[in-house]
Protein backbone atom coordinates (compact mmCIF):
# COMPACT_ATOMS: atom_id res chain seq x y z
CA MET A 1 79.03 -132.77 -42.14
CA SER A 2 76.40 -134.41 -39.97
CA ASN A 3 76.79 -137.86 -38.50
CA ILE A 4 74.00 -139.16 -40.66
CA ALA A 5 75.87 -138.18 -43.77
CA HIS A 6 78.78 -140.28 -42.48
CA GLY A 7 76.48 -143.28 -42.17
CA THR A 8 75.66 -143.31 -38.47
CA ALA A 9 72.36 -144.51 -37.05
CA PHE A 10 71.10 -143.50 -33.66
CA GLY A 11 69.44 -145.71 -31.12
CA ARG A 12 69.09 -144.56 -27.50
CA GLY A 13 71.81 -142.01 -28.07
CA ALA A 14 74.43 -144.53 -29.19
CA ALA A 15 75.89 -144.34 -32.66
CA VAL A 16 75.77 -147.49 -34.76
CA PRO A 17 78.02 -147.31 -37.83
CA LEU A 18 76.43 -148.30 -41.08
CA ALA A 19 77.74 -148.29 -44.65
CA ALA A 20 79.80 -145.18 -45.36
CA ALA A 21 78.81 -142.87 -48.17
CA SER A 22 81.00 -141.48 -50.93
CA PRO A 23 80.35 -137.93 -52.22
CA ASP A 24 78.16 -139.37 -54.99
CA THR A 25 76.60 -142.20 -52.98
CA ALA A 26 74.30 -141.93 -49.98
CA SER A 27 74.92 -144.05 -46.90
CA LEU A 28 72.71 -146.99 -45.98
CA THR A 29 71.43 -144.91 -43.06
CA SER A 30 70.35 -142.13 -45.38
CA TRP A 31 68.54 -144.56 -47.67
CA ILE A 32 66.69 -146.18 -44.77
CA ALA A 33 65.59 -142.73 -43.59
CA VAL A 34 64.46 -141.74 -47.09
CA LEU A 35 62.55 -145.01 -47.60
CA ALA A 36 60.85 -144.60 -44.22
CA GLY A 37 59.89 -141.08 -45.21
CA MET A 38 58.40 -142.43 -48.44
CA ILE A 39 56.20 -144.82 -46.46
CA GLY A 40 54.82 -141.80 -44.63
CA ALA A 41 54.24 -139.81 -47.82
CA PHE A 42 52.58 -142.81 -49.47
CA MET A 43 50.20 -143.39 -46.55
CA ALA A 44 49.38 -139.68 -46.23
CA ILE A 45 48.49 -139.35 -49.93
CA LEU A 46 46.72 -142.73 -49.98
CA ASN A 47 44.35 -141.50 -47.28
CA ILE A 48 43.14 -138.58 -49.38
CA GLN A 49 41.48 -141.02 -51.77
CA ILE A 50 41.02 -144.22 -49.76
CA THR A 51 37.49 -143.18 -48.70
CA ASN A 52 36.32 -142.23 -52.23
CA ALA A 53 34.97 -145.63 -53.25
CA SER A 54 33.48 -146.21 -49.79
CA LEU A 55 31.74 -142.90 -49.09
CA LEU A 56 28.22 -144.33 -49.35
CA ASP A 57 29.04 -147.03 -46.79
CA ILE A 58 30.71 -144.56 -44.41
CA GLU A 59 27.81 -142.12 -44.75
CA GLY A 60 25.39 -144.90 -43.85
CA GLY A 61 27.59 -145.99 -40.95
CA ILE A 62 27.71 -142.57 -39.31
CA GLY A 63 24.18 -141.58 -40.29
CA THR A 64 24.75 -138.61 -42.58
CA GLY A 65 23.50 -137.69 -46.05
CA VAL A 66 25.28 -137.79 -49.39
CA ASP A 67 25.70 -134.00 -49.52
CA ASN A 68 27.55 -133.86 -46.20
CA GLY A 69 29.57 -137.02 -46.73
CA ALA A 70 32.04 -135.23 -49.00
CA TRP A 71 33.41 -133.57 -45.86
CA ILE A 72 34.93 -136.93 -44.91
CA SER A 73 37.48 -136.39 -47.67
CA THR A 74 37.53 -132.60 -47.59
CA SER A 75 38.35 -132.21 -43.89
CA TYR A 76 41.40 -134.43 -44.37
CA LEU A 77 42.54 -132.37 -47.36
CA ILE A 78 42.05 -129.08 -45.49
CA GLY A 79 44.26 -130.38 -42.66
CA GLU A 80 46.97 -131.32 -45.16
CA ILE A 81 46.88 -128.07 -47.12
CA VAL A 82 46.99 -125.94 -43.97
CA VAL A 83 49.91 -127.77 -42.34
CA ILE A 84 52.21 -128.45 -45.31
CA PRO A 85 53.65 -124.89 -45.48
CA LEU A 86 54.23 -124.95 -41.69
CA THR A 87 56.40 -128.04 -41.87
CA ASP A 88 59.74 -126.41 -42.65
CA TYR A 89 59.40 -123.88 -39.82
CA LEU A 90 58.10 -126.29 -37.16
CA SER A 91 60.72 -128.92 -38.03
CA ARG A 92 63.40 -126.33 -37.23
CA VAL A 93 61.69 -125.34 -33.97
CA PHE A 94 61.22 -128.86 -32.57
CA SER A 95 64.01 -130.54 -34.60
CA PHE A 96 63.46 -132.60 -37.73
CA ARG A 97 63.59 -135.90 -35.85
CA ARG A 98 61.15 -135.02 -33.05
CA TYR A 99 58.67 -133.38 -35.41
CA MET A 100 58.74 -136.23 -37.91
CA LEU A 101 58.44 -138.95 -35.26
CA ALA A 102 55.65 -137.19 -33.36
CA ASN A 103 53.48 -136.91 -36.45
CA ALA A 104 54.39 -140.39 -37.69
CA ILE A 105 52.90 -141.65 -34.39
CA LEU A 106 49.88 -139.31 -34.35
CA PHE A 107 48.89 -140.13 -37.93
CA PRO A 108 47.85 -143.78 -37.34
CA LEU A 109 46.31 -142.89 -33.95
CA PHE A 110 43.99 -140.29 -35.51
CA SER A 111 43.28 -142.78 -38.32
CA ILE A 112 42.18 -145.45 -35.83
CA ALA A 113 40.03 -142.85 -34.05
CA CYS A 114 38.11 -142.32 -37.33
CA ALA A 115 36.98 -145.95 -37.22
CA PHE A 116 35.28 -145.40 -33.86
CA THR A 117 33.33 -142.24 -34.77
CA HIS A 118 29.55 -142.44 -34.81
CA ASP A 119 28.51 -139.07 -36.25
CA LEU A 120 29.58 -136.62 -38.94
CA GLY A 121 30.96 -133.99 -36.56
CA SER A 122 33.43 -136.30 -34.84
CA MET A 123 34.42 -137.86 -38.17
CA ILE A 124 35.22 -134.42 -39.61
CA VAL A 125 37.34 -133.54 -36.57
CA MET A 126 39.27 -136.82 -36.59
CA ARG A 127 39.82 -136.73 -40.35
CA GLY A 128 41.01 -133.13 -40.08
CA LEU A 129 43.52 -134.07 -37.36
CA GLN A 130 44.60 -137.10 -39.38
CA GLY A 131 45.21 -134.81 -42.37
CA PHE A 132 47.10 -132.36 -40.16
CA ALA A 133 49.49 -135.12 -39.05
CA GLY A 134 49.68 -136.76 -42.47
CA GLY A 135 50.30 -133.49 -44.28
CA ILE A 136 53.61 -133.14 -42.47
CA LEU A 137 54.85 -136.48 -43.79
CA ILE A 138 54.58 -135.43 -47.47
CA PRO A 139 56.98 -132.44 -47.61
CA MET A 140 59.31 -134.04 -45.04
CA ALA A 141 59.82 -137.01 -47.37
CA PHE A 142 60.53 -134.66 -50.27
CA THR A 143 62.95 -132.65 -48.13
CA MET A 144 64.87 -135.79 -47.18
CA VAL A 145 65.44 -136.58 -50.86
CA LEU A 146 67.00 -133.14 -51.39
CA THR A 147 69.07 -133.09 -48.19
CA LYS A 148 70.14 -136.70 -47.59
CA LEU A 149 70.84 -137.89 -51.13
CA PRO A 150 73.67 -136.60 -53.32
CA LYS A 151 72.70 -135.01 -56.62
CA PRO A 152 73.43 -138.09 -58.79
CA GLN A 153 71.06 -140.23 -56.65
CA GLN A 154 68.29 -137.68 -56.26
CA PRO A 155 66.42 -138.89 -59.39
CA ILE A 156 66.00 -142.26 -57.65
CA GLY A 157 64.64 -140.53 -54.56
CA LEU A 158 62.35 -138.36 -56.69
CA ALA A 159 61.08 -141.49 -58.45
CA LEU A 160 60.19 -143.00 -55.07
CA PHE A 161 58.38 -139.78 -54.16
CA ALA A 162 56.58 -139.82 -57.52
CA LEU A 163 55.46 -143.38 -56.78
CA SER A 164 53.85 -142.07 -53.58
CA VAL A 165 52.18 -139.11 -55.30
CA THR A 166 50.75 -140.92 -58.34
CA PHE A 167 50.39 -144.57 -57.27
CA ALA A 168 48.81 -143.86 -53.88
CA PRO A 169 45.77 -141.91 -55.19
CA ALA A 170 45.22 -144.48 -57.93
CA ILE A 171 45.35 -147.50 -55.62
CA GLY A 172 43.53 -145.83 -52.69
CA PRO A 173 39.96 -146.54 -53.89
CA THR A 174 41.01 -150.12 -54.75
CA ILE A 175 42.22 -150.80 -51.22
CA GLY A 176 39.31 -148.94 -49.66
CA GLY A 177 36.71 -150.66 -51.85
CA TYR A 178 38.05 -154.15 -51.16
CA LEU A 179 38.23 -153.65 -47.41
CA THR A 180 34.80 -152.02 -47.24
CA GLU A 181 33.01 -154.73 -49.21
CA ASN A 182 34.69 -157.62 -47.40
CA TYR A 183 35.40 -156.40 -43.87
CA GLY A 184 33.43 -153.18 -43.30
CA TRP A 185 34.28 -149.51 -43.83
CA GLN A 186 35.99 -149.20 -40.42
CA THR A 187 38.88 -151.38 -41.60
CA ILE A 188 40.13 -148.77 -44.10
CA PHE A 189 41.23 -146.65 -41.13
CA PHE A 190 43.30 -149.50 -39.63
CA VAL A 191 45.35 -150.05 -42.79
CA ASN A 192 47.79 -147.29 -41.78
CA THR A 193 48.94 -148.99 -38.59
CA PRO A 194 51.48 -151.64 -39.76
CA PRO A 195 53.31 -149.37 -42.27
CA SER A 196 53.35 -146.54 -39.72
CA LEU A 197 54.95 -148.84 -37.13
CA VAL A 198 57.72 -149.74 -39.60
CA MET A 199 58.18 -146.06 -40.45
CA VAL A 200 58.46 -144.97 -36.81
CA VAL A 201 61.06 -147.62 -35.96
CA ALA A 202 63.15 -146.85 -39.04
CA LEU A 203 63.05 -143.09 -38.47
CA ALA A 204 63.88 -143.46 -34.78
CA LEU A 205 66.99 -145.45 -35.68
CA THR A 206 68.25 -143.30 -38.54
CA LEU A 207 67.33 -139.63 -38.02
CA GLU A 208 69.95 -137.53 -36.30
CA ARG A 209 69.26 -136.16 -32.83
CA ARG A 210 69.44 -132.38 -32.68
CA PRO A 211 68.38 -129.90 -30.01
CA MET A 212 65.13 -128.02 -30.26
CA GLN A 213 65.29 -124.32 -31.12
CA LEU A 214 62.31 -123.02 -29.15
CA SER A 215 63.71 -119.50 -29.46
CA LEU A 216 62.52 -119.59 -33.10
CA LEU A 217 58.94 -119.45 -31.80
CA LYS A 218 59.53 -115.76 -31.06
CA GLU A 219 60.65 -115.22 -34.65
CA GLY A 220 57.73 -117.08 -36.19
CA ASP A 221 55.69 -115.48 -38.94
CA TRP A 222 52.54 -115.77 -36.86
CA ALA A 223 50.60 -113.25 -38.90
CA GLY A 224 51.35 -115.33 -41.98
CA ILE A 225 50.40 -118.55 -40.20
CA VAL A 226 47.03 -117.21 -39.03
CA THR A 227 46.07 -115.53 -42.33
CA LYS A 228 47.09 -118.61 -44.33
CA ALA A 229 45.19 -121.06 -42.12
CA ILE A 230 41.98 -119.00 -42.12
CA GLY A 231 42.23 -118.15 -45.83
CA LEU A 232 42.90 -121.70 -47.02
CA ALA A 233 40.24 -123.23 -44.74
CA ALA A 234 37.66 -120.70 -46.01
CA LEU A 235 38.69 -121.27 -49.64
CA GLN A 236 38.44 -125.04 -49.37
CA THR A 237 35.02 -124.76 -47.73
CA VAL A 238 33.83 -122.48 -50.55
CA LEU A 239 35.11 -124.94 -53.14
CA GLU A 240 33.53 -127.94 -51.42
CA GLU A 241 30.15 -126.45 -50.55
CA GLY A 242 29.75 -123.93 -53.40
CA ASN A 243 28.35 -126.30 -56.01
CA LYS A 244 25.84 -127.81 -53.58
CA ASP A 245 24.62 -124.38 -52.38
CA ASP A 246 24.54 -122.73 -55.84
CA TRP A 247 27.68 -120.70 -55.17
CA PHE A 248 27.23 -117.00 -54.44
CA SER A 249 23.46 -117.19 -54.17
CA SER A 250 24.22 -118.64 -50.73
CA PRO A 251 25.00 -115.96 -48.10
CA LEU A 252 27.35 -118.37 -46.29
CA ILE A 253 29.36 -119.11 -49.45
CA LEU A 254 29.54 -115.40 -50.27
CA ARG A 255 30.84 -114.51 -46.79
CA LEU A 256 33.38 -117.34 -46.83
CA ALA A 257 34.59 -116.26 -50.29
CA ILE A 258 35.16 -112.72 -48.98
CA VAL A 259 37.04 -114.14 -45.98
CA ALA A 260 39.20 -116.27 -48.29
CA VAL A 261 40.07 -113.34 -50.59
CA VAL A 262 40.85 -110.95 -47.71
CA PHE A 263 42.97 -113.37 -45.67
CA LEU A 264 44.84 -114.92 -48.61
CA SER A 265 45.59 -111.45 -50.00
CA ALA A 266 46.88 -110.42 -46.59
CA PHE A 267 48.93 -113.62 -46.42
CA ILE A 268 50.61 -112.93 -49.77
CA ALA A 269 51.35 -109.34 -48.77
CA ILE A 270 52.84 -110.47 -45.46
CA GLU A 271 55.02 -113.17 -47.05
CA LEU A 272 56.47 -110.68 -49.55
CA THR A 273 57.37 -108.10 -46.90
CA VAL A 274 58.47 -109.87 -43.69
CA ALA A 275 62.14 -110.70 -43.11
CA LYS A 276 61.52 -114.38 -42.30
CA PRO A 277 58.40 -115.49 -44.20
CA LEU A 278 56.55 -118.70 -43.43
CA VAL A 279 56.39 -119.46 -47.17
CA ASN A 280 59.13 -118.14 -49.44
CA LEU A 281 56.94 -117.00 -52.34
CA ARG A 282 59.96 -115.41 -53.98
CA LEU A 283 61.04 -118.90 -55.04
CA LEU A 284 58.27 -118.70 -57.64
CA ARG A 285 60.25 -116.01 -59.44
CA ARG A 286 62.87 -118.60 -60.36
CA ARG A 287 62.10 -119.84 -63.82
CA ASN A 288 62.33 -123.58 -63.26
CA PHE A 289 60.67 -123.53 -59.86
CA GLY A 290 57.79 -121.37 -61.10
CA ILE A 291 57.21 -123.49 -64.21
CA GLY A 292 57.60 -126.71 -62.24
CA VAL A 293 55.06 -125.58 -59.65
CA LEU A 294 52.60 -124.53 -62.40
CA ALA A 295 52.92 -127.97 -63.99
CA ASN A 296 52.58 -129.56 -60.54
CA VAL A 297 49.35 -127.68 -59.85
CA LEU A 298 47.81 -128.69 -63.19
CA VAL A 299 48.98 -132.30 -62.77
CA GLY A 300 47.57 -132.28 -59.22
CA PHE A 301 44.27 -131.08 -60.67
CA ALA A 302 44.32 -134.00 -63.10
CA LEU A 303 45.54 -136.65 -60.63
CA PHE A 304 42.93 -135.90 -57.99
CA GLY A 305 40.32 -135.06 -60.62
CA THR A 306 40.48 -138.39 -62.46
CA VAL A 307 40.46 -140.36 -59.20
CA TYR A 308 37.36 -138.38 -58.19
CA ILE A 309 35.46 -138.44 -61.51
CA LEU A 310 35.90 -142.09 -62.48
CA PRO A 311 34.48 -143.55 -59.21
CA GLN A 312 31.60 -141.07 -59.45
CA TYR A 313 30.82 -142.21 -63.00
CA LEU A 314 31.01 -145.92 -62.14
CA GLY A 315 28.88 -145.44 -59.03
CA GLN A 316 26.22 -143.08 -60.40
CA VAL A 317 25.87 -144.36 -63.98
CA GLN A 318 26.89 -148.02 -63.82
CA ARG A 319 25.88 -148.65 -60.18
CA TYR A 320 29.17 -150.32 -59.27
CA ASN A 321 29.85 -151.12 -55.63
CA ALA A 322 33.00 -150.04 -53.80
CA GLU A 323 35.02 -153.15 -54.63
CA GLN A 324 34.08 -153.07 -58.33
CA ILE A 325 35.10 -149.40 -58.54
CA GLY A 326 38.41 -150.20 -56.88
CA ASN A 327 39.10 -153.02 -59.35
CA VAL A 328 38.65 -150.68 -62.30
CA LEU A 329 40.95 -148.04 -60.82
CA ALA A 330 43.62 -150.61 -59.98
CA TRP A 331 44.71 -150.59 -63.63
CA THR A 332 45.70 -146.96 -63.24
CA GLY A 333 47.93 -147.79 -60.28
CA LEU A 334 49.50 -151.21 -60.68
CA PRO A 335 51.50 -150.60 -63.92
CA GLN A 336 53.16 -147.63 -62.24
CA LEU A 337 54.93 -150.01 -59.83
CA LEU A 338 56.84 -151.37 -62.83
CA LEU A 339 57.32 -148.15 -64.77
CA ILE A 340 58.30 -145.48 -62.24
CA PRO A 341 61.54 -147.23 -61.11
CA LEU A 342 62.72 -147.05 -64.75
CA VAL A 343 62.31 -143.27 -65.01
CA PRO A 344 65.67 -142.37 -63.37
CA LEU A 345 67.39 -144.47 -66.05
CA LEU A 346 65.57 -142.49 -68.75
CA MET A 347 66.61 -139.24 -67.07
CA LYS A 348 70.27 -140.23 -67.39
CA ARG A 349 69.88 -140.38 -71.18
CA TYR A 350 67.18 -137.85 -72.00
CA ASP A 351 66.31 -134.28 -71.00
CA PRO A 352 63.79 -134.35 -68.09
CA ARG A 353 61.74 -131.67 -69.87
CA TYR A 354 61.06 -133.99 -72.79
CA ILE A 355 60.25 -136.93 -70.54
CA ALA A 356 57.79 -134.74 -68.60
CA PHE A 357 56.29 -133.46 -71.86
CA LEU A 358 55.81 -137.02 -73.12
CA GLY A 359 54.32 -138.23 -69.82
CA ILE A 360 51.87 -135.34 -69.49
CA SER A 361 50.87 -135.71 -73.15
CA ILE A 362 50.13 -139.43 -72.66
CA PHE A 363 48.18 -138.59 -69.50
CA ALA A 364 46.16 -136.04 -71.49
CA ALA A 365 45.56 -138.57 -74.28
CA SER A 366 44.10 -141.03 -71.75
CA CYS A 367 41.57 -138.39 -70.73
CA PHE A 368 40.64 -137.62 -74.33
CA LEU A 369 39.98 -141.36 -74.78
CA ASN A 370 37.10 -140.93 -72.31
CA ILE A 371 35.30 -138.01 -73.98
CA THR A 372 32.95 -140.27 -75.96
CA LEU A 373 31.37 -142.13 -73.06
CA SER A 374 28.08 -143.96 -73.64
CA ALA A 375 25.71 -146.07 -71.60
CA ASP A 376 27.83 -149.07 -72.61
CA SER A 377 31.03 -147.58 -71.14
CA ALA A 378 31.68 -149.72 -68.08
CA GLY A 379 34.69 -151.36 -66.44
CA ASP A 380 36.03 -153.19 -69.51
CA GLN A 381 35.88 -150.07 -71.65
CA PHE A 382 38.14 -148.20 -69.19
CA TRP A 383 40.91 -150.79 -69.34
CA ILE A 384 42.87 -149.22 -72.23
CA PRO A 385 42.44 -145.58 -71.05
CA ASN A 386 43.54 -146.57 -67.54
CA ILE A 387 46.64 -148.38 -68.81
CA VAL A 388 47.51 -145.37 -70.97
CA ARG A 389 46.96 -143.10 -67.96
CA ALA A 390 49.25 -145.28 -65.85
CA VAL A 391 52.04 -144.99 -68.43
CA GLY A 392 51.64 -141.22 -68.60
CA GLN A 393 51.51 -140.71 -64.84
CA ALA A 394 54.62 -142.85 -64.36
CA LEU A 395 56.60 -140.46 -66.57
CA VAL A 396 55.34 -137.22 -65.03
CA LEU A 397 56.28 -136.54 -61.42
CA THR A 398 59.96 -137.53 -61.34
CA PRO A 399 61.11 -135.26 -64.20
CA ILE A 400 58.84 -132.43 -63.03
CA SER A 401 60.38 -132.69 -59.56
CA ALA A 402 63.86 -132.58 -61.11
CA ILE A 403 62.90 -129.48 -63.11
CA THR A 404 61.35 -127.80 -60.05
CA THR A 405 64.30 -128.45 -57.74
CA ALA A 406 67.04 -127.55 -60.22
CA GLY A 407 69.08 -124.80 -58.55
CA ILE A 408 67.42 -125.24 -55.13
CA ALA A 409 70.08 -125.25 -52.40
CA PRO A 410 69.78 -127.75 -49.50
CA SER A 411 69.05 -124.82 -47.16
CA GLU A 412 66.02 -123.96 -49.31
CA ALA A 413 64.80 -127.53 -49.63
CA GLY A 414 62.24 -127.34 -46.82
CA ALA A 415 60.68 -124.09 -48.09
CA ALA A 416 60.61 -125.34 -51.69
CA SER A 417 59.11 -128.68 -50.64
CA GLY A 418 56.38 -127.08 -48.54
CA LEU A 419 55.37 -124.59 -51.23
CA SER A 420 55.34 -127.04 -54.16
CA ASN A 421 53.51 -129.79 -52.25
CA MET A 422 50.95 -127.37 -50.83
CA LEU A 423 50.14 -125.95 -54.26
CA ARG A 424 49.91 -129.41 -55.85
CA ASN A 425 47.43 -130.55 -53.18
CA LEU A 426 45.56 -127.26 -53.51
CA GLY A 427 45.41 -127.89 -57.26
CA GLY A 428 43.90 -131.27 -56.49
CA ALA A 429 41.33 -129.75 -54.14
CA VAL A 430 40.38 -127.12 -56.71
CA GLY A 431 40.28 -129.86 -59.33
CA THR A 432 37.71 -132.05 -57.60
CA THR A 433 35.39 -129.16 -56.77
CA THR A 434 35.75 -127.57 -60.20
CA LEU A 435 34.97 -130.85 -61.91
CA ALA A 436 31.94 -131.38 -59.67
CA THR A 437 30.64 -127.99 -60.81
CA VAL A 438 31.44 -128.69 -64.46
CA LEU A 439 29.58 -132.00 -64.17
CA THR A 440 26.49 -130.34 -62.69
CA LYS A 441 26.39 -127.51 -65.22
CA ARG A 442 27.08 -129.68 -68.25
CA GLU A 443 24.50 -132.26 -67.17
CA GLN A 444 21.93 -129.46 -67.01
CA PHE A 445 23.04 -128.18 -70.42
CA HIS A 446 22.81 -131.59 -72.11
CA SER A 447 19.51 -132.35 -70.38
CA ASN A 448 18.01 -129.16 -71.84
CA ILE A 449 19.34 -129.94 -75.32
CA ILE A 450 18.09 -133.53 -75.30
CA GLY A 451 14.82 -132.44 -73.71
CA GLN A 452 14.10 -130.15 -76.65
CA SER A 453 14.03 -133.21 -78.90
CA VAL A 454 12.10 -135.49 -76.56
CA THR A 455 8.64 -133.93 -76.75
CA LEU A 456 5.11 -135.22 -77.18
CA TYR A 457 4.96 -133.53 -80.60
CA ARG A 458 7.25 -136.20 -82.06
CA ASP A 459 5.78 -139.47 -83.29
CA GLU A 460 8.70 -141.60 -82.09
CA VAL A 461 8.35 -140.19 -78.56
CA ARG A 462 4.61 -140.93 -78.43
CA ARG A 463 5.28 -144.40 -79.82
CA ARG A 464 7.96 -145.03 -77.16
CA ILE A 465 5.58 -143.88 -74.40
CA SER A 466 2.87 -146.19 -75.76
CA GLU A 467 5.23 -149.19 -75.93
CA THR A 468 6.55 -148.54 -72.41
CA THR A 469 3.01 -148.07 -71.06
CA ASP A 470 2.01 -151.45 -72.54
CA TYR A 471 5.10 -152.97 -70.92
CA PHE A 472 4.10 -151.74 -67.45
CA LEU A 473 0.46 -152.84 -67.96
CA SER A 474 1.67 -156.33 -68.85
CA HIS A 475 3.93 -156.42 -65.78
CA GLY A 476 1.43 -155.84 -63.01
CA VAL A 477 0.52 -152.12 -63.15
CA PRO A 478 -3.27 -152.14 -62.67
CA ASP A 479 -4.47 -149.05 -64.56
CA PHE A 480 -3.58 -147.16 -67.73
CA ALA A 481 -2.96 -143.74 -66.08
CA THR A 482 -0.41 -145.14 -63.62
CA ALA A 483 1.34 -147.13 -66.35
CA GLN A 484 1.56 -144.07 -68.60
CA HIS A 485 2.94 -141.98 -65.74
CA LYS A 486 5.59 -144.63 -65.11
CA ALA A 487 6.43 -144.71 -68.83
CA ILE A 488 6.97 -140.95 -68.97
CA ALA A 489 9.09 -141.10 -65.80
CA ALA A 490 11.18 -143.92 -67.29
CA ILE A 491 11.87 -141.91 -70.44
CA GLY A 492 12.77 -138.91 -68.28
CA SER A 493 15.21 -141.10 -66.36
CA ILE A 494 16.83 -142.22 -69.62
CA VAL A 495 17.26 -138.59 -70.69
CA LYS A 496 18.78 -137.70 -67.31
CA ARG A 497 21.18 -140.65 -67.46
CA GLN A 498 22.32 -139.78 -70.96
CA ALA A 499 22.84 -136.14 -69.98
CA LEU A 500 24.87 -137.28 -66.96
CA ILE A 501 27.06 -139.50 -69.16
CA MET A 502 27.73 -136.59 -71.53
CA GLY A 503 28.54 -134.39 -68.54
CA PHE A 504 31.16 -136.90 -67.39
CA SER A 505 32.63 -136.89 -70.91
CA ASP A 506 33.01 -133.11 -70.69
CA THR A 507 34.88 -133.34 -67.38
CA PHE A 508 37.49 -135.60 -68.99
CA ALA A 509 37.83 -133.07 -71.81
CA VAL A 510 38.53 -130.30 -69.27
CA ILE A 511 41.23 -132.40 -67.60
CA GLY A 512 42.81 -133.21 -70.98
CA VAL A 513 42.99 -129.54 -72.01
CA LEU A 514 44.63 -128.50 -68.72
CA LEU A 515 47.18 -131.29 -69.07
CA ALA A 516 47.97 -130.11 -72.60
CA ILE A 517 48.74 -126.66 -71.13
CA ALA A 518 51.01 -128.27 -68.51
CA ALA A 519 52.83 -130.27 -71.21
CA VAL A 520 53.65 -127.12 -73.17
CA ALA A 521 54.65 -125.24 -70.01
CA VAL A 522 57.45 -127.66 -69.05
CA LEU A 523 59.18 -127.06 -72.37
CA PHE A 524 59.85 -123.46 -71.31
CA ALA A 525 61.94 -124.54 -68.32
CA ARG A 526 65.72 -124.51 -68.42
CA LYS A 527 67.46 -127.84 -68.73
CA ALA A 528 67.76 -129.49 -65.31
CA ARG A 529 71.19 -130.83 -64.49
CA THR A 530 71.26 -134.23 -62.87
CA ALA A 531 74.86 -135.17 -63.56
CA PRO A 532 77.47 -135.60 -60.83
CA GLY A 533 79.00 -132.39 -59.72
CA ALA A 534 75.88 -130.38 -60.28
CA GLY A 535 75.60 -129.60 -56.63
CA GLY A 536 75.64 -131.47 -53.39
CA GLY A 537 72.59 -132.90 -51.84
CA HIS A 538 73.60 -132.89 -48.19
C-alpha cells in the first residue's frame, strides 16, 4: 500500500505522519488531497459558465460582435473536452503529482492572461489554454475519490464532486455578473487565483511522489489522440457556428462536419482495436457504466442548457444586466450547498437508483414549470422553479456517480473518470448549441403563426395601429406617415418579442423531456453497492 494510504504527507521529500486510516476510513492526508482536488474541479467547471452573464461586457471590452463572442465560452469548453480523455494517460507518464500540480499552477496563470487580452483572437487562445489546464482538474478530482477513499466513504467524496458539477455552473453567472457590474469584466478572471493557491499548496503537501514513466510515451495511442482532438474540435465548432451560419448551407460548416464524422469514426475504430487505447470504450458495455454515462450526458445537457437559456431569456426579453441575471440564478445554486451534503446519508438508507430517479424527475418538473412563459415572467416568477431545480440537481449527481462507478476497479478509475466526464461535458456542449437552434427555429415558427393573425384585414389590428400612431403624434413625431411607420414597427416588435418568449418556453420543454428519459434510464441499472466490504477504494 502506498504511503499516502498510510497517512503520510510529503513536503520537500520528508514524510510527515498524519492521522492513520483504517480499512473503512481514509486518512487525513487522503481527505486533504481529495478536498484540494475538489477545489480544482469546482473552479474548472465554474469557469465554463462564469462568462455567460458578462458576455456583452467582455465583447465590448475586446471589440468583437455578439455572434463571435460565444467563442469566449466555446474555446474554453473545447479545451476541456479535448484534454479530459488524455488525463489518465498523461498522469501515468508524468506522475499523478507532477501532472496535477503543473496544471493547477497553469490554470490560474492562463485565467489571469485572459484579463489582459485586447482582441478576440488572443482571448480565444487564452481561454482555450485555460480550458486545457482546467479540464485536467475535473477527472483527476473524480479519480482521487475512487482511489484514495475506501468504498464506505466514497459517497461523501462523490457528493463533494457533485457539488462541484452542479453548484459551480449555477453560481458561475452570479459571481461573474456581480464582479462585472461592480468591478469590471476583467476581475472574473482573477477570481481563480486565491483558491488555486490553496489547492497547489495542499496538493504539494499530500500527493505522493512517484517517478515519471516517460517510456510510456512510446506506447501512447497517438493515432487515437490526434483523431480525437481533431474530431472533437471540429464537432464543437460545427455545433457552435452551425446555427449562426444556417448549418449545412455554409460550405465551412459542411466541411467541418465531414471532418468531425471522419475523424471521430476513425477514433472509435482505433480505440476498439488497439491494445492500449487512449479511451477504454469497452467500459460502456458494462450495464451500470453505460446507463450511468447515458444519464450523465442527458443531465449534462440539462445542466449546461438551463444555465445557458435562462440568462439568455433574462437578457434578451427582460433586459436584465449581468448582476441581475446572476441574482436570479443564485437561487438555483445556493440551496444545493445545504442539500448535497445530506445525499450520502440518504444513500445509506435508500437505493441510489431511486434517489437519482427522484432527483432527475424533480429537475425535469422545474423545467416544465417554465413552459408557460409570458411577458410578465421575470426574476420573481423564476424563484419557485429555480428552488425546485436546486432540489432536483442536489439529488442527481451523487447517486448517478455511484451507479456509474459500481464495479469499477481502482485500476480502471482514471479511464472511467475521463470517459464519463468527457461525455458529460460534451453533452453540455451539444445541449447549449442544440437549444440555441431550437430557440431560433421555434421563434421563427411562432412568429409566422402569430403573424398570420396580425394583419391589416383585422379591425383590431387597424385600431391598434391607429391608437399607436396617435400616441407617437402626441409625443413629438412631426408627421402622420412617420408616426404610422413607427406604430407598425412597434407592433412588429411586440410580435417578435412574444414569439421569442414562446421559443424560450419550448426550449425548457425539450430539456424536461430529455430529463424524463434520463430518469427512466437509471431504473434499468443494477443496484449499486455502497456498503462496507463492497470493494476497496485504494
